[in-house]
C-alpha atoms as a PDB file:
ATOM      1  CA  MET A   1      57.624  42.681 -21.827  1.00  0.00           C
ATOM      2  CA  GLU A   2      55.362  41.100 -19.037  1.00  0.00           C
ATOM      3  CA  GLN A   3      52.513  40.256 -21.237  1.00  0.00           C
ATOM      4  CA  ILE A   4      54.981  38.806 -23.743  1.00  0.00           C
ATOM      5  CA  GLN A   5      56.646  36.640 -20.885  1.00  0.00           C
ATOM      6  CA  GLU A   6      52.978  35.201 -19.657  1.00  0.00           C
ATOM      7  CA  ASP A   7      52.261  34.521 -23.152  1.00  0.00           C
ATOM      8  CA  LEU A   8      55.153  32.555 -23.578  1.00  0.00           C
ATOM      9  CA  GLU A   9      54.625  30.425 -20.759  1.00  0.00           C
ATOM     10  CA  ARG A  10      51.322  29.552 -21.833  1.00  0.00           C
ATOM     11  CA  THR A  11      53.125  28.487 -25.243  1.00  0.00           C
ATOM     12  CA  ARG A  12      54.908  26.435 -23.621  1.00  0.00           C
ATOM     13  CA  ILE A  13      52.390  24.996 -21.429  1.00  0.00           C
ATOM     14  CA  LEU A  14      49.529  24.639 -23.921  1.00  0.00           C
ATOM     15  CA  GLY A  15      51.775  23.664 -26.968  1.00  0.00           C
ATOM     16  CA  TYR A  16      50.525  25.877 -28.984  1.00  0.00           C
ATOM     17  CA  ALA A  17      50.191  29.898 -29.433  1.00  0.00           C
ATOM     18  CA  VAL A  18      46.758  31.706 -30.942  1.00  0.00           C
ATOM     19  CA  THR A  19      46.735  35.577 -32.177  1.00  0.00           C
ATOM     20  CA  HIS A  20      43.625  37.442 -33.284  1.00  0.00           C
ATOM     21  CA  ASP A  21      43.369  40.263 -36.064  1.00  0.00           C
ATOM     22  CA  GLU A  22      47.312  40.632 -35.759  1.00  0.00           C
ATOM     23  CA  VAL A  23      47.534  39.838 -40.302  1.00  0.00           C
ATOM     24  CA  GLY A  24      44.213  40.946 -41.318  1.00  0.00           C
ATOM     25  CA  SER A  25      40.975  42.166 -39.562  1.00  0.00           C
ATOM     26  CA  GLN A  26      38.760  38.753 -39.173  1.00  0.00           C
ATOM     27  CA  VAL A  27      41.989  36.609 -39.343  1.00  0.00           C
ATOM     28  CA  SER A  28      42.656  34.859 -36.521  1.00  0.00           C
ATOM     29  CA  SER A  29      46.389  32.150 -36.385  1.00  0.00           C
ATOM     30  CA  ILE A  30      47.375  29.015 -34.559  1.00  0.00           C
ATOM     31  CA  ALA A  31      51.164  27.780 -34.322  1.00  0.00           C
ATOM     32  CA  THR A  32      53.072  25.199 -32.596  1.00  0.00           C
ATOM     33  CA  PRO A  33      56.563  25.006 -32.332  1.00  0.00           C
ATOM     34  CA  ILE A  34      59.070  22.229 -34.002  1.00  0.00           C
ATOM     35  CA  LEU A  35      61.524  21.877 -31.222  1.00  0.00           C
ATOM     36  CA  ASN A  36      65.294  19.919 -31.452  1.00  0.00           C
ATOM     37  CA  LEU A  37      66.987  17.808 -28.978  1.00  0.00           C
ATOM     38  CA  ARG A  38      67.497  19.985 -26.955  1.00  0.00           C
ATOM     39  CA  ASN A  39      63.857  21.193 -26.546  1.00  0.00           C
ATOM     40  CA  GLU A  40      64.903  24.855 -28.744  1.00  0.00           C
ATOM     41  CA  ALA A  41      62.181  25.862 -31.187  1.00  0.00           C
ATOM     42  CA  VAL A  42      63.863  25.531 -34.888  1.00  0.00           C
ATOM     43  CA  ALA A  43      60.749  25.964 -36.730  1.00  0.00           C
ATOM     44  CA  ALA A  44      56.632  26.201 -36.410  1.00  0.00           C
ATOM     45  CA  ILE A  45      53.948  25.075 -38.421  1.00  0.00           C
ATOM     46  CA  SER A  46      51.242  27.961 -38.729  1.00  0.00           C
ATOM     47  CA  ALA A  47      47.765  27.987 -39.796  1.00  0.00           C
ATOM     48  CA  GLY A  48      45.373  31.144 -40.712  1.00  0.00           C
ATOM     49  CA  ILE A  49      41.683  31.103 -39.569  1.00  0.00           C
ATOM     50  CA  VAL A  50      39.738  33.581 -41.809  1.00  0.00           C
ATOM     51  CA  GLY A  51      36.087  34.623 -40.899  1.00  0.00           C
ATOM     52  CA  LYS A  52      36.019  34.304 -37.495  1.00  0.00           C
ATOM     53  CA  THR A  53      37.951  35.068 -33.906  1.00  0.00           C
ATOM     54  CA  LEU A  54      38.618  31.461 -32.320  1.00  0.00           C
ATOM     55  CA  ASN A  55      37.339  31.168 -29.127  1.00  0.00           C
ATOM     56  CA  PRO A  56      39.067  28.879 -26.953  1.00  0.00           C
ATOM     57  CA  GLN A  57      37.551  25.651 -27.385  1.00  0.00           C
ATOM     58  CA  ASP A  58      37.317  26.311 -31.146  1.00  0.00           C
ATOM     59  CA  ALA A  59      41.392  26.565 -30.567  1.00  0.00           C
ATOM     60  CA  ARG A  60      41.781  23.690 -28.933  1.00  0.00           C
ATOM     61  CA  ASN A  61      39.971  21.767 -31.188  1.00  0.00           C
ATOM     62  CA  TYR A  62      41.636  22.925 -34.662  1.00  0.00           C
ATOM     63  CA  SER A  63      45.636  23.035 -32.703  1.00  0.00           C
ATOM     64  CA  LYS A  64      45.345  18.949 -31.534  1.00  0.00           C
ATOM     65  CA  ASN A  65      45.884  17.932 -35.090  1.00  0.00           C
ATOM     66  CA  MET A  66      48.933  20.294 -35.010  1.00  0.00           C
ATOM     67  CA  VAL A  67      50.577  20.159 -31.650  1.00  0.00           C
ATOM     68  CA  GLN A  68      50.567  16.158 -33.048  1.00  0.00           C
ATOM     69  CA  ALA A  69      51.718  16.765 -36.266  1.00  0.00           C
ATOM     70  CA  ALA A  70      54.637  18.878 -34.923  1.00  0.00           C
ATOM     71  CA  ARG A  71      56.011  16.255 -32.345  1.00  0.00           C
ATOM     72  CA  GLN A  72      56.434  14.085 -34.886  1.00  0.00           C
ATOM     73  CA  LEU A  73      58.576  16.176 -36.905  1.00  0.00           C
ATOM     74  CA  SER A  74      59.992  17.208 -34.095  1.00  0.00           C
ATOM     75  CA  ALA A  75      60.828  13.506 -32.760  1.00  0.00           C
ATOM     76  CA  ARG A  76      62.608  13.284 -36.946  1.00  0.00           C
ATOM     77  CA  ILE A  77      65.347  16.339 -36.124  1.00  0.00           C
ATOM     78  CA  VAL A  78      68.599  15.050 -35.520  1.00  0.00           C
END
């Protein structure tokens, strides 16, 4: 349970989460939340990357556009 709390806190700070090998071997994914006006997650954007495990730098590079898109979508939620 403590690990889950740490993961959620890291996701809140970074604005995205990264997983490795949860869907299949050599598949990483990045997800970022879509927030409502109360800052509650109501949806998410995710992308799967096949063929390699993302290192932290690659994850930051991939996540930049996703976080921006999620913020734009969040701004449109009433």
